Structure formats: structure tokens, C-alpha cells
Amino acid sequence: MTKPISQPEPNQRYQDASGSLVTVHSVLSNRVTFYRAGYESPCTYSIERFIREFTEVTQ
């Protein structure tokens, strides 16, 4: 089963395989900038890597 591929958008919440939550800050060109819960500094991944490593949290 494959997970649906959607483009990340600002303020969306995602989680990684270990269950850690992140919040998308911005999506520019081919980069996603996000913040991990509990951290002050942003992280930046390529869109491809972000989609591969994170799953959207729906509530």
C-alpha cells in the first residue's frame, strides 16, 4: 500500500517514522522548511525527501 502524495503546505503537521511531530513553515521552489516539536531552529529538506520521510497528521 502506498501513501498518497500531497504537496506540503505551511502550518501542516507531519510525523516521521519514530512519531516525532513537525510543522511546515514554508515551501519554496523544491525545499520544505519545517520546525521539529521542541526545537527552535528550522530544518530544510528537499520536497522529495520530506514526502518520503514524513506522513501528514490529520485530525
C-alpha atoms as a PDB file:
ATOM      1  CA  MET A   1       0.000   0.000   0.000  1.00  0.00           C
ATOM      2  CA  THR A   2       1.374   3.415  -0.912  1.00  0.00           C
ATOM      3  CA  LYS A   3       0.670   6.628   0.929  1.00  0.00           C
ATOM      4  CA  PRO A   4      -0.971   9.443  -1.036  1.00  0.00           C
ATOM      5  CA  ILE A   5       1.438  12.099  -2.226  1.00  0.00           C
ATOM      6  CA  SER A   6       0.363  15.644  -1.450  1.00  0.00           C
ATOM      7  CA  GLN A   7       2.333  18.848  -1.571  1.00  0.00           C
ATOM      8  CA  PRO A   8       3.247  20.087   1.925  1.00  0.00           C
ATOM      9  CA  GLU A   9       1.772  23.477   2.852  1.00  0.00           C
ATOM     10  CA  PRO A  10       2.595  25.969   5.621  1.00  0.00           C
ATOM     11  CA  ASN A  11       1.173  25.114   9.059  1.00  0.00           C
ATOM     12  CA  GLN A  12       0.501  21.466   8.170  1.00  0.00           C
ATOM     13  CA  ARG A  13       1.610  18.898  10.746  1.00  0.00           C
ATOM     14  CA  TYR A  14       3.580  15.781   9.831  1.00  0.00           C
ATOM     15  CA  GLN A  15       5.303  12.987  11.721  1.00  0.00           C
ATOM     16  CA  ASP A  16       8.320  10.841  10.981  1.00  0.00           C
ATOM     17  CA  ALA A  17       8.708   7.077  11.408  1.00  0.00           C
ATOM     18  CA  SER A  18       9.574   7.482  15.099  1.00  0.00           C
ATOM     19  CA  GLY A  19       6.432   9.557  15.750  1.00  0.00           C
ATOM     20  CA  SER A  20       8.171  12.938  16.151  1.00  0.00           C
ATOM     21  CA  LEU A  21       5.977  15.833  15.047  1.00  0.00           C
ATOM     22  CA  VAL A  22       6.998  18.670  12.735  1.00  0.00           C
ATOM     23  CA  THR A  23       5.184  21.761  11.472  1.00  0.00           C
ATOM     24  CA  VAL A  24       5.794  23.041   7.943  1.00  0.00           C
ATOM     25  CA  HIS A  25       6.924  26.668   7.920  1.00  0.00           C
ATOM     26  CA  SER A  26       7.371  27.278   4.190  1.00  0.00           C
ATOM     27  CA  VAL A  27       7.627  25.582   0.818  1.00  0.00           C
ATOM     28  CA  LEU A  28       9.826  27.413  -1.679  1.00  0.00           C
ATOM     29  CA  SER A  29      10.947  26.061  -5.029  1.00  0.00           C
ATOM     30  CA  ASN A  30      11.970  22.466  -4.221  1.00  0.00           C
ATOM     31  CA  ARG A  31      12.585  22.924  -0.465  1.00  0.00           C
ATOM     32  CA  VAL A  32      10.437  22.439   2.632  1.00  0.00           C
ATOM     33  CA  THR A  33      11.381  24.340   5.785  1.00  0.00           C
ATOM     34  CA  PHE A  34       9.886  22.961   8.987  1.00  0.00           C
ATOM     35  CA  TYR A  35      10.244  23.013  12.759  1.00  0.00           C
ATOM     36  CA  ARG A  36      10.509  19.909  14.913  1.00  0.00           C
ATOM     37  CA  ALA A  37       8.403  19.945  18.080  1.00  0.00           C
ATOM     38  CA  GLY A  38      10.530  21.234  20.958  1.00  0.00           C
ATOM     39  CA  TYR A  39      13.250  22.784  18.765  1.00  0.00           C
ATOM     40  CA  GLU A  40      13.806  26.460  17.927  1.00  0.00           C
ATOM     41  CA  SER A  41      15.900  26.095  14.767  1.00  0.00           C
ATOM     42  CA  PRO A  42      14.315  25.246  11.409  1.00  0.00           C
ATOM     43  CA  CYS A  43      15.229  22.248   9.251  1.00  0.00           C
ATOM     44  CA  THR A  44      15.190  22.228   5.450  1.00  0.00           C
ATOM     45  CA  TYR A  45      14.727  19.148   3.255  1.00  0.00           C
ATOM     46  CA  SER A  46      14.085  18.683  -0.431  1.00  0.00           C
ATOM     47  CA  ILE A  47      10.406  18.101  -1.175  1.00  0.00           C
ATOM     48  CA  GLU A  48      11.199  14.563  -2.328  1.00  0.00           C
ATOM     49  CA  ARG A  49      12.973  13.687   0.923  1.00  0.00           C
ATOM     50  CA  PHE A  50      10.267  15.319   3.038  1.00  0.00           C
ATOM     51  CA  ILE A  51       7.470  13.369   1.312  1.00  0.00           C
ATOM     52  CA  ARG A  52       9.476  10.138   1.621  1.00  0.00           C
ATOM     53  CA  GLU A  53      10.252  10.548   5.344  1.00  0.00           C
ATOM     54  CA  PHE A  54       7.106  12.179   6.758  1.00  0.00           C
ATOM     55  CA  THR A  55       3.396  11.366   6.906  1.00  0.00           C
ATOM     56  CA  GLU A  56       0.730  14.049   7.230  1.00  0.00           C
ATOM     57  CA  VAL A  57      -1.101  14.135  10.559  1.00  0.00           C
ATOM     58  CA  THR A  58      -4.851  14.541  10.077  1.00  0.00           C
ATOM     59  CA  GLN A  59      -7.166  15.445  12.908  1.00  0.00           C
END
